[in-house]
């Protein structure tokens, strides 16, 4: 996947989340054979990146905010993939339930574990269970 060396909204390199959450329907990747391919984001079930790649360049306050309101979950996708991790629910208090979070409009949401961030396509989710 191509990440711009300079992000539009902050110092440092573009983050995978910014690439997935922008309005462009395709992202560009280099295949193992070196060829360039254009992937429709709607076809991506999930994408996993190292935690340090997604968190790189974030200030301490941004990093803390990203971890606020974390809810532990178990999640299953339509292809049988499963994830155990946490989602950060940053919504107004009146709408801060897990169900409210799952019903927001962004195509992808983050599930974090100790080593990675999994960007999950909402359209591919079959079941989510809070594990508090």
N, C-alpha and C. Protein backbone atom coordinates (compact mmCIF):
# COMPACT_ATOMS: atom_id res chain seq x y z
N UNK A 1 0.85 -1.16 0.00
CA UNK A 1 0.00 0.00 0.00
C UNK A 1 0.89 1.23 0.00
N UNK A 2 0.49 2.23 -0.75
CA UNK A 2 1.26 3.47 -0.82
C UNK A 2 0.78 4.44 0.25
N UNK A 3 1.68 4.81 1.15
CA UNK A 3 1.41 5.85 2.13
C UNK A 3 2.24 7.07 1.75
N UNK A 4 1.60 8.21 1.70
CA UNK A 4 2.32 9.43 1.37
C UNK A 4 3.33 9.74 2.46
N UNK A 5 4.53 10.21 2.07
CA UNK A 5 5.54 10.53 3.08
C UNK A 5 5.13 11.71 3.97
N UNK A 6 4.22 12.54 3.47
CA UNK A 6 3.71 13.67 4.25
C UNK A 6 2.19 13.61 4.30
N UNK A 7 1.66 13.57 5.51
CA UNK A 7 0.21 13.56 5.68
C UNK A 7 -0.34 14.97 5.47
N UNK A 8 -1.57 15.05 5.03
CA UNK A 8 -2.20 16.36 4.79
C UNK A 8 -2.59 17.05 6.08
N UNK A 9 -2.87 16.29 7.14
CA UNK A 9 -3.45 16.89 8.34
C UNK A 9 -2.54 16.91 9.57
N UNK A 10 -1.33 16.38 9.45
CA UNK A 10 -0.42 16.34 10.59
C UNK A 10 1.01 16.16 10.10
N UNK A 11 1.96 16.36 11.02
CA UNK A 11 3.36 16.15 10.68
C UNK A 11 3.61 14.65 10.52
N UNK A 12 4.48 14.29 9.61
CA UNK A 12 4.85 12.89 9.44
C UNK A 12 4.11 12.22 8.30
N UNK A 13 4.33 10.92 8.21
CA UNK A 13 3.80 10.08 7.14
C UNK A 13 2.29 9.87 7.30
N UNK A 14 1.61 9.67 6.17
CA UNK A 14 0.21 9.31 6.18
C UNK A 14 0.05 7.98 6.92
N UNK A 15 -1.02 7.84 7.67
CA UNK A 15 -1.30 6.61 8.42
C UNK A 15 -2.25 5.71 7.61
N UNK A 16 -2.19 4.40 7.82
CA UNK A 16 -3.12 3.51 7.11
C UNK A 16 -4.58 3.90 7.32
N UNK A 17 -4.94 4.35 8.53
CA UNK A 17 -6.34 4.74 8.78
C UNK A 17 -6.76 5.89 7.88
N UNK A 18 -5.87 6.84 7.65
CA UNK A 18 -6.20 7.97 6.79
C UNK A 18 -6.44 7.52 5.36
N UNK A 19 -5.67 6.56 4.91
CA UNK A 19 -5.82 6.03 3.56
C UNK A 19 -7.16 5.30 3.41
N UNK A 20 -7.50 4.49 4.40
CA UNK A 20 -8.75 3.72 4.33
C UNK A 20 -9.99 4.59 4.51
N UNK A 21 -9.89 5.64 5.32
CA UNK A 21 -11.07 6.44 5.65
C UNK A 21 -11.29 7.64 4.72
N UNK A 22 -10.38 7.87 3.77
CA UNK A 22 -10.63 8.98 2.84
C UNK A 22 -11.75 8.59 1.87
N UNK A 23 -12.19 9.53 1.07
CA UNK A 23 -13.35 9.31 0.19
C UNK A 23 -13.03 8.57 -1.10
N UNK A 24 -11.77 8.32 -1.37
CA UNK A 24 -11.40 7.64 -2.61
C UNK A 24 -11.79 6.16 -2.54
N UNK A 25 -12.44 5.62 -3.56
CA UNK A 25 -12.91 4.23 -3.51
C UNK A 25 -11.82 3.17 -3.70
N UNK A 26 -10.66 3.55 -4.24
CA UNK A 26 -9.59 2.58 -4.49
C UNK A 26 -8.32 2.97 -3.74
N UNK A 27 -7.54 1.96 -3.38
CA UNK A 27 -6.19 2.22 -2.86
C UNK A 27 -5.20 1.48 -3.72
N UNK A 28 -3.98 1.97 -3.71
CA UNK A 28 -2.92 1.43 -4.57
C UNK A 28 -1.99 0.56 -3.74
N UNK A 29 -1.68 -0.62 -4.27
CA UNK A 29 -0.76 -1.54 -3.59
C UNK A 29 0.25 -2.07 -4.60
N UNK A 30 1.38 -2.54 -4.08
CA UNK A 30 2.37 -3.22 -4.91
C UNK A 30 2.29 -4.69 -4.55
N UNK A 31 2.02 -5.52 -5.52
CA UNK A 31 1.92 -6.97 -5.32
C UNK A 31 3.31 -7.56 -5.12
N UNK A 32 3.34 -8.81 -4.68
CA UNK A 32 4.61 -9.50 -4.44
C UNK A 32 5.50 -9.57 -5.66
N UNK A 33 4.91 -9.55 -6.87
CA UNK A 33 5.70 -9.61 -8.10
C UNK A 33 6.14 -8.22 -8.57
N UNK A 34 5.83 -7.18 -7.77
CA UNK A 34 6.24 -5.82 -8.11
C UNK A 34 5.24 -5.05 -8.94
N UNK A 35 4.17 -5.69 -9.38
CA UNK A 35 3.17 -4.99 -10.18
C UNK A 35 2.29 -4.10 -9.30
N UNK A 36 1.79 -3.03 -9.88
CA UNK A 36 0.92 -2.10 -9.16
C UNK A 36 -0.52 -2.54 -9.39
N UNK A 37 -1.28 -2.55 -8.30
CA UNK A 37 -2.69 -2.94 -8.38
C UNK A 37 -3.55 -1.91 -7.66
N UNK A 38 -4.78 -1.79 -8.10
CA UNK A 38 -5.73 -0.86 -7.50
C UNK A 38 -6.86 -1.70 -6.90
N UNK A 39 -7.05 -1.57 -5.60
CA UNK A 39 -7.99 -2.41 -4.87
C UNK A 39 -9.19 -1.57 -4.44
N UNK A 40 -10.39 -2.08 -4.73
CA UNK A 40 -11.60 -1.42 -4.30
C UNK A 40 -11.75 -1.63 -2.79
N UNK A 41 -11.82 -0.54 -2.04
CA UNK A 41 -11.90 -0.63 -0.57
C UNK A 41 -13.13 -1.41 -0.12
N UNK A 42 -14.21 -1.34 -0.87
CA UNK A 42 -15.43 -2.06 -0.49
C UNK A 42 -15.20 -3.57 -0.48
N UNK A 43 -14.20 -4.06 -1.22
CA UNK A 43 -13.91 -5.49 -1.29
C UNK A 43 -12.99 -5.96 -0.18
N UNK A 44 -12.45 -5.04 0.61
CA UNK A 44 -11.53 -5.41 1.69
C UNK A 44 -12.32 -5.77 2.93
N UNK A 45 -12.14 -6.99 3.43
CA UNK A 45 -12.82 -7.42 4.67
C UNK A 45 -12.14 -6.80 5.87
N UNK A 46 -10.80 -6.86 5.89
CA UNK A 46 -10.02 -6.24 6.97
C UNK A 46 -8.59 -6.07 6.51
N UNK A 47 -7.90 -5.20 7.20
CA UNK A 47 -6.48 -4.99 6.95
C UNK A 47 -5.79 -4.84 8.29
N UNK A 48 -4.71 -5.55 8.50
CA UNK A 48 -3.99 -5.52 9.76
C UNK A 48 -2.65 -4.83 9.56
N UNK A 49 -2.34 -3.88 10.45
CA UNK A 49 -1.05 -3.20 10.41
C UNK A 49 -0.46 -3.21 11.81
N UNK A 50 0.85 -3.10 11.87
CA UNK A 50 1.53 -3.05 13.16
C UNK A 50 1.06 -1.81 13.93
N UNK A 51 0.86 -1.96 15.22
CA UNK A 51 0.39 -0.88 16.07
C UNK A 51 1.29 0.35 15.95
N UNK A 52 2.60 0.14 15.91
CA UNK A 52 3.51 1.28 15.85
C UNK A 52 3.40 2.06 14.54
N UNK A 53 3.02 1.39 13.44
CA UNK A 53 2.83 2.10 12.17
C UNK A 53 1.64 3.04 12.26
N UNK A 54 0.54 2.58 12.80
CA UNK A 54 -0.65 3.42 12.92
C UNK A 54 -0.46 4.53 13.94
N UNK A 55 0.30 4.28 14.99
CA UNK A 55 0.48 5.27 16.06
C UNK A 55 1.64 6.22 15.79
N UNK A 56 2.44 5.96 14.76
CA UNK A 56 3.62 6.79 14.51
C UNK A 56 3.22 8.23 14.24
N UNK A 57 3.99 9.14 14.83
CA UNK A 57 3.77 10.55 14.63
C UNK A 57 2.65 11.15 15.45
N UNK A 58 1.94 10.35 16.23
CA UNK A 58 0.87 10.90 17.06
C UNK A 58 1.46 11.50 18.32
N UNK A 59 0.91 12.62 18.73
CA UNK A 59 1.34 13.23 19.99
C UNK A 59 0.84 12.37 21.14
N UNK A 60 1.37 12.60 22.34
CA UNK A 60 0.92 11.85 23.50
C UNK A 60 -0.57 12.03 23.73
N UNK A 61 -1.08 13.25 23.53
CA UNK A 61 -2.51 13.49 23.74
C UNK A 61 -3.35 12.77 22.69
N UNK A 62 -2.89 12.71 21.44
CA UNK A 62 -3.60 11.97 20.40
C UNK A 62 -3.62 10.48 20.71
N UNK A 63 -2.49 9.96 21.18
CA UNK A 63 -2.40 8.54 21.53
C UNK A 63 -3.33 8.20 22.69
N UNK A 64 -3.37 9.08 23.71
CA UNK A 64 -4.27 8.85 24.85
C UNK A 64 -5.72 8.90 24.41
N UNK A 65 -6.05 9.88 23.56
CA UNK A 65 -7.42 10.00 23.08
C UNK A 65 -7.84 8.76 22.30
N UNK A 66 -6.93 8.22 21.51
CA UNK A 66 -7.24 7.02 20.73
C UNK A 66 -7.52 5.82 21.62
N UNK A 67 -7.02 5.83 22.83
CA UNK A 67 -7.23 4.70 23.75
C UNK A 67 -8.36 4.97 24.75
N UNK A 68 -8.93 6.17 24.75
CA UNK A 68 -10.05 6.49 25.65
C UNK A 68 -11.29 5.73 25.23
N UNK A 69 -12.14 5.45 26.20
CA UNK A 69 -13.42 4.82 25.91
C UNK A 69 -13.31 3.46 25.28
N UNK A 70 -12.24 2.72 25.59
CA UNK A 70 -12.03 1.42 24.97
C UNK A 70 -12.99 0.37 25.52
N UNK A 71 -13.56 -0.39 24.62
CA UNK A 71 -14.47 -1.48 24.96
C UNK A 71 -13.89 -2.77 24.40
N UNK A 72 -13.65 -3.78 25.27
CA UNK A 72 -13.15 -5.05 24.75
C UNK A 72 -14.25 -5.82 24.02
N UNK A 73 -13.89 -6.42 22.89
CA UNK A 73 -14.87 -7.14 22.06
C UNK A 73 -14.28 -8.42 21.49
N UNK A 74 -15.18 -9.31 21.09
CA UNK A 74 -14.91 -10.43 20.20
C UNK A 74 -15.72 -10.15 18.95
N UNK A 75 -15.12 -10.38 17.78
CA UNK A 75 -15.78 -10.01 16.53
C UNK A 75 -15.60 -11.14 15.52
N UNK A 76 -16.64 -11.42 14.74
CA UNK A 76 -16.57 -12.44 13.69
C UNK A 76 -17.02 -11.82 12.37
N UNK A 77 -16.25 -12.10 11.31
CA UNK A 77 -16.58 -11.62 9.97
C UNK A 77 -17.27 -12.71 9.17
N UNK A 78 -17.83 -12.33 8.02
CA UNK A 78 -18.57 -13.27 7.19
C UNK A 78 -17.70 -14.36 6.57
N UNK A 79 -16.38 -14.18 6.58
CA UNK A 79 -15.49 -15.23 6.06
C UNK A 79 -14.98 -16.14 7.18
N UNK A 80 -15.47 -15.93 8.42
CA UNK A 80 -15.07 -16.74 9.56
C UNK A 80 -13.90 -16.17 10.35
N UNK A 81 -13.27 -15.10 9.85
CA UNK A 81 -12.18 -14.47 10.59
C UNK A 81 -12.70 -13.96 11.92
N UNK A 82 -11.87 -14.08 12.96
CA UNK A 82 -12.25 -13.58 14.28
C UNK A 82 -11.17 -12.66 14.82
N UNK A 83 -11.59 -11.70 15.63
CA UNK A 83 -10.67 -10.76 16.26
C UNK A 83 -11.08 -10.59 17.71
N UNK A 84 -10.08 -10.51 18.57
CA UNK A 84 -10.29 -10.18 19.98
C UNK A 84 -9.45 -8.94 20.23
N UNK A 85 -10.08 -7.89 20.71
CA UNK A 85 -9.36 -6.66 20.94
C UNK A 85 -10.26 -5.62 21.56
N UNK A 86 -9.92 -4.36 21.31
CA UNK A 86 -10.68 -3.25 21.86
C UNK A 86 -11.02 -2.26 20.76
N UNK A 87 -12.20 -1.65 20.89
CA UNK A 87 -12.58 -0.54 20.04
C UNK A 87 -12.66 0.70 20.92
N UNK A 88 -12.29 1.84 20.36
CA UNK A 88 -12.36 3.10 21.07
C UNK A 88 -13.62 3.83 20.64
N UNK A 89 -14.55 3.98 21.57
CA UNK A 89 -15.84 4.60 21.27
C UNK A 89 -15.78 6.07 21.67
N UNK A 90 -15.57 6.93 20.69
CA UNK A 90 -15.47 8.37 20.92
C UNK A 90 -16.72 9.05 20.36
N UNK A 91 -17.81 8.91 21.09
CA UNK A 91 -19.08 9.48 20.69
C UNK A 91 -19.65 10.29 21.85
N UNK A 92 -20.62 11.17 21.58
CA UNK A 92 -21.25 11.89 22.69
C UNK A 92 -21.82 10.91 23.72
N UNK A 93 -21.78 11.30 24.97
CA UNK A 93 -22.18 10.42 26.08
C UNK A 93 -23.54 9.76 25.83
N UNK A 94 -24.49 10.51 25.29
CA UNK A 94 -25.84 9.98 25.08
C UNK A 94 -25.87 8.87 24.02
N UNK A 95 -24.85 8.80 23.18
CA UNK A 95 -24.80 7.81 22.10
C UNK A 95 -23.50 7.01 22.14
N UNK A 96 -23.08 6.60 23.31
CA UNK A 96 -21.77 5.97 23.44
C UNK A 96 -21.82 4.46 23.69
N UNK A 97 -22.92 3.83 23.32
CA UNK A 97 -23.01 2.38 23.45
C UNK A 97 -22.26 1.71 22.29
N UNK A 98 -21.91 0.46 22.49
CA UNK A 98 -21.26 -0.31 21.42
C UNK A 98 -22.15 -0.33 20.18
N UNK A 99 -23.43 -0.49 20.35
CA UNK A 99 -24.36 -0.51 19.22
C UNK A 99 -24.31 0.81 18.45
N UNK A 100 -24.25 1.94 19.17
CA UNK A 100 -24.15 3.24 18.51
C UNK A 100 -22.87 3.32 17.67
N UNK A 101 -21.78 2.84 18.25
CA UNK A 101 -20.49 2.84 17.54
C UNK A 101 -20.56 1.99 16.27
N UNK A 102 -21.14 0.81 16.37
CA UNK A 102 -21.21 -0.09 15.22
C UNK A 102 -22.10 0.47 14.12
N UNK A 103 -23.04 1.33 14.47
CA UNK A 103 -23.96 1.90 13.50
C UNK A 103 -23.52 3.25 12.93
N UNK A 104 -22.27 3.67 13.21
CA UNK A 104 -21.77 4.90 12.58
C UNK A 104 -21.48 4.63 11.10
N UNK A 105 -21.21 5.68 10.35
CA UNK A 105 -21.18 5.55 8.90
C UNK A 105 -19.82 5.24 8.27
N UNK A 106 -18.71 5.38 8.99
CA UNK A 106 -17.42 5.07 8.38
C UNK A 106 -17.38 3.61 7.95
N UNK A 107 -16.83 3.35 6.77
CA UNK A 107 -16.76 1.97 6.27
C UNK A 107 -15.91 1.08 7.17
N UNK A 108 -14.77 1.59 7.64
CA UNK A 108 -13.85 0.80 8.46
C UNK A 108 -13.82 1.32 9.88
N UNK A 109 -13.60 0.42 10.83
CA UNK A 109 -13.33 0.81 12.21
C UNK A 109 -12.14 0.00 12.71
N UNK A 110 -11.51 0.51 13.76
CA UNK A 110 -10.29 -0.11 14.30
C UNK A 110 -10.60 -1.04 15.44
N UNK A 111 -9.99 -2.22 15.40
CA UNK A 111 -9.95 -3.14 16.53
C UNK A 111 -8.47 -3.28 16.88
N UNK A 112 -8.13 -2.93 18.11
CA UNK A 112 -6.71 -2.96 18.52
C UNK A 112 -6.47 -4.10 19.49
N UNK A 113 -5.29 -4.69 19.32
CA UNK A 113 -4.80 -5.61 20.34
C UNK A 113 -3.40 -5.13 20.73
N UNK A 114 -2.66 -5.91 21.45
CA UNK A 114 -1.37 -5.46 21.98
C UNK A 114 -0.33 -5.17 20.90
N UNK A 115 -0.47 -5.78 19.72
CA UNK A 115 0.55 -5.64 18.68
C UNK A 115 0.09 -5.00 17.39
N UNK A 116 -1.22 -4.99 17.15
CA UNK A 116 -1.69 -4.58 15.82
C UNK A 116 -3.00 -3.80 15.89
N UNK A 117 -3.26 -3.12 14.79
CA UNK A 117 -4.56 -2.49 14.56
C UNK A 117 -5.17 -3.21 13.37
N UNK A 118 -6.39 -3.67 13.56
CA UNK A 118 -7.14 -4.36 12.50
C UNK A 118 -8.22 -3.38 12.02
N UNK A 119 -8.16 -2.98 10.77
CA UNK A 119 -9.17 -2.11 10.19
C UNK A 119 -10.24 -3.01 9.59
N UNK A 120 -11.41 -3.00 10.18
CA UNK A 120 -12.47 -3.95 9.84
C UNK A 120 -13.57 -3.25 9.05
N UNK A 121 -13.98 -3.87 7.95
CA UNK A 121 -15.05 -3.34 7.12
C UNK A 121 -16.39 -3.68 7.78
N UNK A 122 -17.15 -2.65 8.17
CA UNK A 122 -18.44 -2.85 8.85
C UNK A 122 -19.37 -3.77 8.07
N UNK A 123 -19.33 -3.69 6.74
CA UNK A 123 -20.23 -4.49 5.92
C UNK A 123 -19.93 -5.98 5.99
N UNK A 124 -18.79 -6.35 6.51
CA UNK A 124 -18.40 -7.77 6.57
C UNK A 124 -18.58 -8.38 7.96
N UNK A 125 -19.02 -7.57 8.93
CA UNK A 125 -19.17 -8.04 10.31
C UNK A 125 -20.46 -8.84 10.44
N UNK A 126 -20.34 -10.04 11.02
CA UNK A 126 -21.49 -10.89 11.28
C UNK A 126 -21.94 -10.75 12.73
N UNK A 127 -20.97 -10.69 13.68
CA UNK A 127 -21.32 -10.68 15.08
C UNK A 127 -20.24 -9.96 15.90
N UNK A 128 -20.68 -9.16 16.86
CA UNK A 128 -19.79 -8.50 17.81
C UNK A 128 -20.34 -8.77 19.19
N UNK A 129 -19.44 -9.13 20.10
CA UNK A 129 -19.82 -9.36 21.50
C UNK A 129 -18.91 -8.56 22.40
N UNK A 130 -19.51 -7.73 23.27
CA UNK A 130 -18.72 -7.03 24.29
C UNK A 130 -18.22 -8.06 25.30
N UNK A 131 -16.98 -7.94 25.71
CA UNK A 131 -16.41 -8.95 26.62
C UNK A 131 -16.04 -8.36 27.96
N UNK A 132 -16.65 -7.27 28.35
CA UNK A 132 -16.34 -6.61 29.64
C UNK A 132 -16.64 -7.52 30.80
